[in-house]
Protein backbone atom coordinates (compact mmCIF):
# COMPACT_ATOMS: atom_id res chain seq x y z
CA MET A 1 -70.70 33.25 -10.82
CA ALA A 2 -68.61 30.16 -10.35
CA SER A 3 -65.92 31.54 -12.60
CA GLY A 4 -65.88 34.74 -10.59
CA LEU A 5 -65.41 32.83 -7.35
CA LEU A 6 -62.65 30.75 -8.94
CA LYS A 7 -60.90 33.86 -10.12
CA ARG A 8 -60.99 35.40 -6.67
CA LYS A 9 -59.50 32.21 -5.12
CA GLU A 10 -56.63 32.09 -7.63
CA THR A 11 -55.60 35.68 -7.20
CA LYS A 12 -55.89 35.78 -3.43
CA GLN A 13 -52.37 35.92 -1.89
CA PRO A 14 -51.37 35.99 1.78
CA SER A 15 -50.31 39.42 2.88
CA TYR A 16 -47.62 40.22 5.42
CA SER A 17 -47.06 43.42 7.29
CA GLY A 18 -43.75 45.19 7.07
CA LYS A 19 -42.85 44.02 10.58
CA GLU A 20 -43.60 40.38 9.68
CA GLN A 21 -41.45 40.59 6.55
CA ALA A 22 -38.56 42.11 8.50
CA SER A 23 -38.92 39.42 11.17
CA LYS A 24 -38.76 36.61 8.60
CA PHE A 25 -35.73 38.20 6.92
CA LEU A 26 -33.88 38.56 10.23
CA SER A 27 -34.76 34.97 11.13
CA LEU A 28 -33.20 33.85 7.86
CA VAL A 29 -30.10 35.96 8.42
CA GLU A 30 -29.65 34.49 11.91
CA GLU A 31 -29.38 30.92 10.60
CA ILE A 32 -27.10 31.32 7.55
CA SER A 33 -23.32 31.77 7.58
CA PRO A 34 -21.73 33.89 10.31
CA ILE A 35 -22.31 37.57 9.54
CA VAL A 36 -21.06 40.63 11.35
CA ALA A 37 -21.49 44.35 10.62
CA LEU A 38 -18.83 46.84 11.75
CA ASP A 39 -18.34 50.56 11.86
CA GLU A 40 -15.15 52.18 10.57
CA ASN A 41 -13.48 51.58 13.96
CA ASN A 42 -14.20 47.84 13.80
CA ILE A 43 -16.89 48.05 16.48
CA VAL A 44 -19.63 45.44 16.06
CA ARG A 45 -23.00 46.89 15.11
CA PHE A 46 -24.66 43.56 14.35
CA ALA A 47 -23.75 39.89 14.68
CA ASN A 48 -26.07 37.03 13.78
CA ALA A 49 -26.63 33.87 15.81
CA SER A 50 -24.27 31.86 13.59
CA PHE A 51 -21.45 34.31 14.33
CA ARG A 52 -22.07 34.17 18.07
CA LYS A 53 -22.23 30.37 18.01
CA GLU A 54 -19.15 29.95 15.83
CA PHE A 55 -16.93 32.07 18.05
CA ARG A 56 -18.51 30.90 21.32
CA LEU A 57 -19.34 34.34 22.64
CA ARG A 58 -20.56 33.96 26.21
CA PHE A 59 -22.16 37.35 26.67
CA ALA A 60 -25.63 38.13 25.40
CA SER A 61 -24.61 40.42 22.58
CA PRO A 62 -21.28 41.29 20.96
CA VAL A 63 -22.73 44.60 19.73
CA GLY A 64 -20.56 47.50 20.84
CA LYS A 65 -17.48 45.32 21.23
CA ASN A 66 -14.32 45.57 19.14
CA LEU A 67 -14.14 42.73 16.61
CA PHE A 68 -10.53 41.89 17.47
CA ASN A 69 -11.32 41.62 21.18
CA LEU A 70 -13.89 39.02 20.21
CA LEU A 71 -11.81 37.01 17.75
CA LYS A 72 -8.50 37.11 19.67
CA LEU A 73 -6.30 36.32 16.68
CA ASP A 74 -2.53 36.07 16.77
CA SER A 75 -0.60 39.19 15.76
CA LYS A 76 0.07 38.14 12.17
CA GLU A 77 -3.53 37.16 11.41
CA GLU A 78 -4.87 40.28 13.15
CA ALA A 79 -2.57 42.59 11.19
CA ASN A 80 -3.69 41.03 7.91
CA LEU A 81 -7.39 41.28 8.79
CA ARG A 82 -7.01 44.91 9.90
CA GLU A 83 -5.35 45.75 6.60
CA ASN A 84 -8.16 44.09 4.65
CA LEU A 85 -10.84 45.90 6.64
CA HIS A 86 -9.11 49.17 5.84
CA LYS A 87 -8.97 48.29 2.13
CA ALA A 88 -12.66 47.35 2.21
CA LEU A 89 -13.57 50.95 3.02
CA LYS A 90 -12.77 51.67 -0.63
CA THR A 91 -13.32 48.36 -2.43
CA LYS A 92 -15.05 45.03 -1.98
CA LEU A 93 -12.82 42.17 -0.87
CA GLN A 94 -13.62 38.52 -1.52
CA ASN A 95 -12.11 35.11 -0.74
CA GLN A 96 -9.80 36.22 2.04
CA GLU A 97 -8.66 33.95 4.88
CA PHE A 98 -7.51 33.99 8.48
CA LYS A 99 -6.61 31.31 11.02
CA LYS A 100 -7.85 31.12 14.58
CA GLY A 101 -6.21 28.32 16.51
CA LYS A 102 -6.62 25.13 14.50
CA LYS A 103 -9.46 26.52 12.43
CA SER A 104 -9.36 28.39 9.14
CA TYR A 105 -12.01 30.88 8.02
CA GLY A 106 -12.75 32.33 4.63
CA TYR A 107 -14.40 35.75 4.47
CA SER A 108 -15.62 38.47 2.17
CA ILE A 109 -16.06 42.15 3.14
CA PHE A 110 -18.48 44.58 1.53
CA ARG A 111 -19.52 48.13 2.31
CA PHE A 112 -23.08 49.34 2.78
CA LYS A 113 -23.91 52.88 3.83
CA ASP A 114 -21.51 53.77 6.64
CA SER A 115 -20.85 50.16 7.76
CA LEU A 116 -18.80 47.17 6.70
CA GLY A 117 -20.41 43.77 6.33
CA MET A 118 -18.41 40.59 6.76
CA ILE A 119 -19.57 37.09 5.78
CA LEU A 120 -17.49 34.21 7.15
CA LYS A 121 -17.25 30.48 6.52
CA ASP A 122 -15.39 27.69 8.30
CA ILE A 123 -13.03 26.32 5.63
CA THR A 124 -10.91 24.12 7.91
CA GLU A 125 -11.82 20.89 6.13
CA ASN A 126 -11.23 22.53 2.76
CA LYS A 127 -7.74 23.59 3.85
CA LYS A 128 -6.97 20.08 5.10
CA LEU A 129 -8.06 18.69 1.75
CA GLU A 130 -5.93 21.27 -0.07
CA LYS A 131 -2.96 20.27 2.09
CA LYS A 132 -3.52 16.59 1.29
CA ILE A 133 -3.71 17.41 -2.42
CA ALA A 134 -0.54 19.51 -2.17
CA THR A 135 1.22 16.67 -0.33
CA LEU A 136 0.07 14.21 -2.96
CA HIS A 137 1.29 16.53 -5.70
CA THR A 138 4.68 16.76 -3.96
CA GLN A 139 4.84 12.98 -3.70
CA VAL A 140 4.00 12.64 -7.38
CA LEU A 141 6.76 15.09 -8.29
CA ALA A 142 9.19 13.25 -6.00
CA SER A 143 8.24 9.94 -7.61
CA GLN A 144 8.75 11.41 -11.05
CA GLU A 145 12.15 12.75 -10.01
CA GLU A 146 13.09 9.38 -8.53
CA GLU A 147 12.02 7.64 -11.72
CA ARG A 148 14.08 10.07 -13.79
CA SER A 149 17.10 9.37 -11.58
CA ARG A 150 16.54 5.64 -11.89
CA LEU A 151 16.32 5.88 -15.68
CA ALA A 152 19.46 8.01 -15.72
CA ARG A 153 21.28 5.37 -13.67
CA GLU A 154 20.08 2.62 -15.99
CA LEU A 155 21.34 4.56 -19.01
CA HIS A 156 24.64 5.35 -17.32
CA ASP A 157 25.28 1.87 -15.92
CA GLY A 158 23.92 -0.10 -18.87
CA VAL A 159 24.15 1.67 -22.19
CA GLY A 160 26.94 3.97 -21.03
CA GLN A 161 29.23 1.11 -19.99
CA LEU A 162 28.57 -0.85 -23.18
CA ILE A 163 29.45 2.20 -25.28
CA LEU A 164 32.61 2.68 -23.21
CA ALA A 165 33.62 -0.94 -23.83
CA ALA A 166 32.88 -0.55 -27.56
CA LYS A 167 35.00 2.61 -27.63
CA LEU A 168 37.94 0.73 -26.08
CA HIS A 169 37.67 -1.98 -28.74
CA PHE A 170 37.55 0.56 -31.55
CA GLN A 171 40.54 2.44 -30.10
CA ALA A 172 42.52 -0.79 -29.84
CA TYR A 173 41.66 -1.70 -33.45
CA GLN A 174 42.56 1.82 -34.61
CA LYS A 175 45.89 1.61 -32.82
CA SER A 176 46.87 -1.77 -34.25
CA GLU A 177 44.69 -3.81 -36.61
CA LYS A 178 47.22 -6.66 -36.60
CA GLU A 179 47.44 -6.88 -32.82
CA HIS A 180 43.66 -6.61 -32.28
CA PRO A 181 42.00 -7.92 -35.46
CA GLU A 182 38.87 -9.03 -33.61
CA SER A 183 38.31 -5.71 -31.81
CA PHE A 184 36.34 -4.03 -34.57
CA GLY A 185 33.80 -6.84 -34.69
CA SER A 186 33.64 -6.93 -30.88
CA GLY A 187 33.00 -3.19 -30.82
CA LEU A 188 30.15 -3.53 -33.29
CA GLY A 189 28.73 -6.34 -31.18
CA LEU A 190 28.79 -4.12 -28.10
CA ILE A 191 27.02 -1.33 -30.00
CA ASP A 192 24.33 -3.84 -30.94
CA ARG A 193 24.00 -4.78 -27.28
CA ALA A 194 23.74 -1.12 -26.30
CA SER A 195 20.90 -0.78 -28.78
CA GLN A 196 19.24 -3.83 -27.22
CA GLU A 197 19.70 -2.31 -23.76
CA LEU A 198 17.83 0.78 -24.91
CA ARG A 199 14.97 -1.37 -26.13
CA GLU A 200 14.88 -3.13 -22.76
CA ILE A 201 14.80 0.20 -20.96
CA TYR A 202 11.67 1.04 -22.92
CA THR A 203 10.06 -2.09 -21.49
CA ASN A 204 11.20 -3.34 -18.08
CA LEU A 205 14.75 -1.99 -17.65
CA GLN A 206 16.16 -5.52 -17.37
CA PRO A 207 19.68 -5.94 -18.89
CA SER A 208 19.40 -7.92 -22.12
CA SER A 209 22.43 -10.13 -21.46
CA LEU A 210 21.11 -10.93 -18.00
CA LYS A 211 17.73 -11.85 -19.41
CA GLU A 212 19.24 -14.05 -22.12
CA LEU A 213 22.15 -15.66 -20.25
CA GLY A 214 21.37 -15.56 -16.54
CA LEU A 215 23.38 -13.73 -13.87
CA GLU A 216 26.52 -15.91 -13.78
CA ALA A 217 26.95 -16.05 -17.55
CA ALA A 218 26.12 -12.33 -17.93
CA LEU A 219 28.78 -11.39 -15.36
CA SER A 220 31.36 -13.69 -16.97
CA SER A 221 30.61 -12.12 -20.35
CA LEU A 222 30.92 -8.64 -18.85
CA ALA A 223 34.31 -9.35 -17.25
CA ASN A 224 35.80 -11.18 -20.22
CA GLN A 225 34.76 -8.54 -22.73
CA ILE A 226 36.10 -5.38 -21.12
CA PHE A 227 39.29 -6.31 -19.21
CA PRO A 228 41.40 -8.33 -21.72
CA ILE A 229 41.25 -5.54 -24.27
CA GLN A 230 43.10 -3.33 -21.77
CA LYS A 231 45.58 -6.14 -20.96
CA ILE A 232 44.10 -6.56 -17.49
CA LYS A 233 44.17 -10.11 -16.14
CA VAL A 234 40.84 -11.03 -14.65
CA LYS A 235 40.13 -13.89 -12.25
CA SER A 236 36.46 -14.52 -11.66
CA GLU A 237 34.48 -16.95 -9.55
CA PHE A 238 30.71 -16.67 -9.69
CA ARG A 239 28.69 -19.11 -7.60
CA VAL A 240 25.22 -17.59 -7.63
CA PRO A 241 22.55 -19.50 -5.66
CA GLY A 242 19.38 -20.40 -7.53
CA LYS A 243 16.07 -18.57 -7.40
CA ILE A 244 17.43 -15.12 -6.59
CA PRO A 245 14.72 -12.46 -7.08
CA GLN A 246 15.04 -10.72 -10.43
CA GLU A 247 15.36 -7.32 -8.72
CA ILE A 248 18.49 -8.50 -6.88
CA GLN A 249 19.98 -9.99 -10.06
CA ASN A 250 19.43 -6.74 -11.96
CA GLN A 251 20.97 -4.59 -9.24
CA VAL A 252 23.97 -6.89 -8.65
CA PHE A 253 24.70 -6.88 -12.38
CA ARG A 254 24.52 -3.07 -12.52
CA ILE A 255 26.68 -2.69 -9.40
CA LEU A 256 29.42 -4.94 -10.77
CA GLN A 257 29.13 -3.21 -14.13
CA GLU A 258 29.78 0.14 -12.42
CA ILE A 259 32.69 -1.27 -10.40
CA CYS A 260 34.29 -2.67 -13.56
CA ALA A 261 33.88 0.68 -15.31
CA ASN A 262 35.53 2.47 -12.38
CA ILE A 263 38.45 0.02 -12.49
CA LEU A 264 38.89 0.62 -16.23
CA LYS A 265 38.68 4.40 -16.00
CA HIS A 266 40.57 5.14 -12.79
CA SER A 267 42.56 2.27 -11.26
CA GLN A 268 45.46 1.69 -13.72
CA ALA A 269 45.34 -1.91 -12.47
CA ASN A 270 46.65 -4.96 -14.32
CA LYS A 271 44.94 -7.57 -12.14
CA VAL A 272 41.31 -7.87 -11.08
CA GLU A 273 39.52 -10.47 -8.95
CA LEU A 274 35.73 -10.77 -9.04
CA ARG A 275 33.78 -13.11 -6.78
CA ILE A 276 30.14 -13.82 -5.97
CA PHE A 277 29.05 -16.45 -3.47
CA SER A 278 26.53 -16.90 -0.68
CA GLU A 279 26.79 -17.35 3.08
CA LYS A 280 23.58 -18.56 4.70
CA ASP A 281 20.97 -16.01 3.57
CA THR A 282 23.46 -13.39 2.36
CA LEU A 283 24.90 -12.82 -1.10
CA ILE A 284 28.54 -11.66 -1.05
CA VAL A 285 29.85 -9.63 -3.99
CA SER A 286 33.59 -8.90 -4.01
CA ALA A 287 35.74 -6.97 -6.46
CA LYS A 288 39.45 -6.32 -5.93
CA ASP A 289 42.11 -4.65 -8.07
CA ASN A 290 45.83 -3.92 -7.66
CA GLY A 291 45.58 -0.39 -9.02
CA LYS A 292 46.59 2.98 -7.65
CA GLY A 293 43.69 3.26 -5.19
CA PHE A 294 42.27 6.57 -4.06
CA LYS A 295 41.07 8.62 -1.12
CA GLU A 296 37.36 7.91 -0.80
CA LYS A 297 36.43 11.38 0.52
CA GLU A 298 38.25 13.12 -2.33
CA ALA A 299 36.62 10.82 -4.88
CA ARG A 300 33.18 11.75 -3.56
CA ILE A 301 33.91 15.47 -3.80
CA LYS A 302 35.52 15.33 -7.26
CA SER A 303 33.08 12.86 -8.80
CA THR A 304 31.04 14.35 -11.61
CA GLY A 305 29.24 11.11 -12.55
CA TYR A 306 27.43 8.58 -10.44
CA GLY A 307 30.45 6.48 -9.40
CA LEU A 308 30.59 5.44 -5.76
CA GLU A 309 27.31 7.14 -4.89
CA ASN A 310 25.51 5.06 -7.49
CA ILE A 311 27.00 1.81 -6.17
CA ARG A 312 26.07 2.81 -2.64
CA ARG A 313 22.50 3.72 -3.54
CA ARG A 314 21.88 0.47 -5.40
CA THR A 315 23.26 -1.49 -2.44
CA GLU A 316 21.02 0.40 -0.02
CA ASP A 317 18.01 -0.25 -2.27
CA LEU A 318 18.63 -3.97 -1.61
CA ASN A 319 18.99 -3.39 2.17
CA GLY A 320 22.63 -4.35 1.75
CA THR A 321 25.91 -2.95 3.08
CA LEU A 322 28.99 -1.80 1.19
CA PHE A 323 32.51 -2.13 2.58
CA LEU A 324 35.14 -0.20 0.66
CA GLU A 325 38.85 -0.56 1.40
CA THR A 326 41.25 1.62 -0.58
CA GLU A 327 44.39 3.62 -0.13
CA PRO A 328 46.61 5.44 -2.62
CA ASN A 329 48.95 2.95 -4.36
CA LYS A 330 47.44 -0.03 -2.51
CA GLY A 331 44.55 -0.98 -4.76
CA THR A 332 40.84 -1.08 -4.02
CA GLN A 333 38.44 -3.72 -2.73
CA TYR A 334 34.64 -3.58 -2.73
CA VAL A 335 32.67 -6.04 -0.60
CA LEU A 336 28.87 -6.01 -0.70
CA ARG A 337 26.66 -8.06 1.61
CA ILE A 338 23.07 -8.37 0.33
CA PRO A 339 20.34 -10.19 2.29
CA LEU A 340 18.43 -12.77 0.26
CA LYS A 341 15.50 -13.17 2.64
CA LYS A 342 12.30 -11.37 1.76
CA ARG A 343 12.41 -7.82 3.04
CA SER A 344 9.68 -6.58 5.33
CA LYS A 345 7.37 -3.99 3.82
CA GLU A 346 8.14 -0.39 4.66
CA LYS A 347 5.83 1.26 7.11
CA VAL A 348 3.34 3.55 5.42
C-alpha cells in the first residue's frame, strides 16, 4: 500500500494547458534578445519587449509598421540591411552587422513559413574592444617597423662605416704596399671591430669602441683612423662633460660617424675640423670641411642611403637641433645643439 502511494507521488507531474504553455513561452521570448518578425515587404508582424525597449519605440505596438521607419538608419546601413533581408528569403544569414548612431548591432535572419525572423544583439562594446585590439596591433606593427629601422641604422652607421674604413685601408695597401705598409693590418683591425659591433648589436646596440674607450677617446680613434688614409688633415677638439647619459653618447657617436662617412664619400675635402664642447646645459657638436659642398635639397632627393635624414632623425630623437650650412664649392658645416637636461616624458 505504502509502495503504491509512493509510486503515485513520484510519477505525478504538474500539467499545463496549451494556453499556459504558450503564455510561458511568449513570456520567455519577451525577455531575451530583441526579436522581430517581418513579412516579405519588411512590415513588422511581431516585436518582443526587448526590441521595443532597445529601439525606444514610443507607440504601443510596432506591428504593422515598416521596419526601416522604426530603425531610421542612414542610407548606407539601410541599403545593406535591405539587401540582406532580400537574400534571407532564400537562405539563412548569420553574424551580420549594422550601425545606428553610436551603437552597433549584430543580427541573424532566418525564414519560417511566410515570415522572416530577425534576432539582434547590441555589440557596441564588442566593436570598441575590437577597435582597441586593432589599434594595439597597429601600434605593435609600427613598433616592430621602428625597431627594424633602428637596427638598420645601427648596421649602416656602425658596421657599415667600419667596413668602409677597412675597404679604404685595403685599397691603399693594394695601390702601394711601400707607401702604406700598415694599412693591411689596420684594415684587418677594422674588420675585427665590425665583427665586435655585430656582437654588440645582438646585445644592447652600444658601439664597442665607445663602451671600451669612452666618448672622447672613441671619437678621436674614429677621426684618426679614417681621414689620414685619404690624406685628409683632421683637427679635432673633444671636450665632453662628464656623466652624459649613455643614450646621448651613443647617438652623438653615430651622428659623427655618419658625418665623417659623408665627408669621405662626397666632399673631396682635404681639411676637416671636428669639435665637441658644452655651453651651460647644451652639448655642441660641430663638423666642418673645405670640400665641394652641395645643395641640400638635391642631396635629399638623390640620396639612396640614410645620409642627412639619418643625422636629422638621430638629432631629433635627442630633442636637439641641426644647423647645416653648405654651398657648392664652399664646403659644409654641421652644428648640432643637444640639450643635456633630463627630457620631460611624452604625453601618453
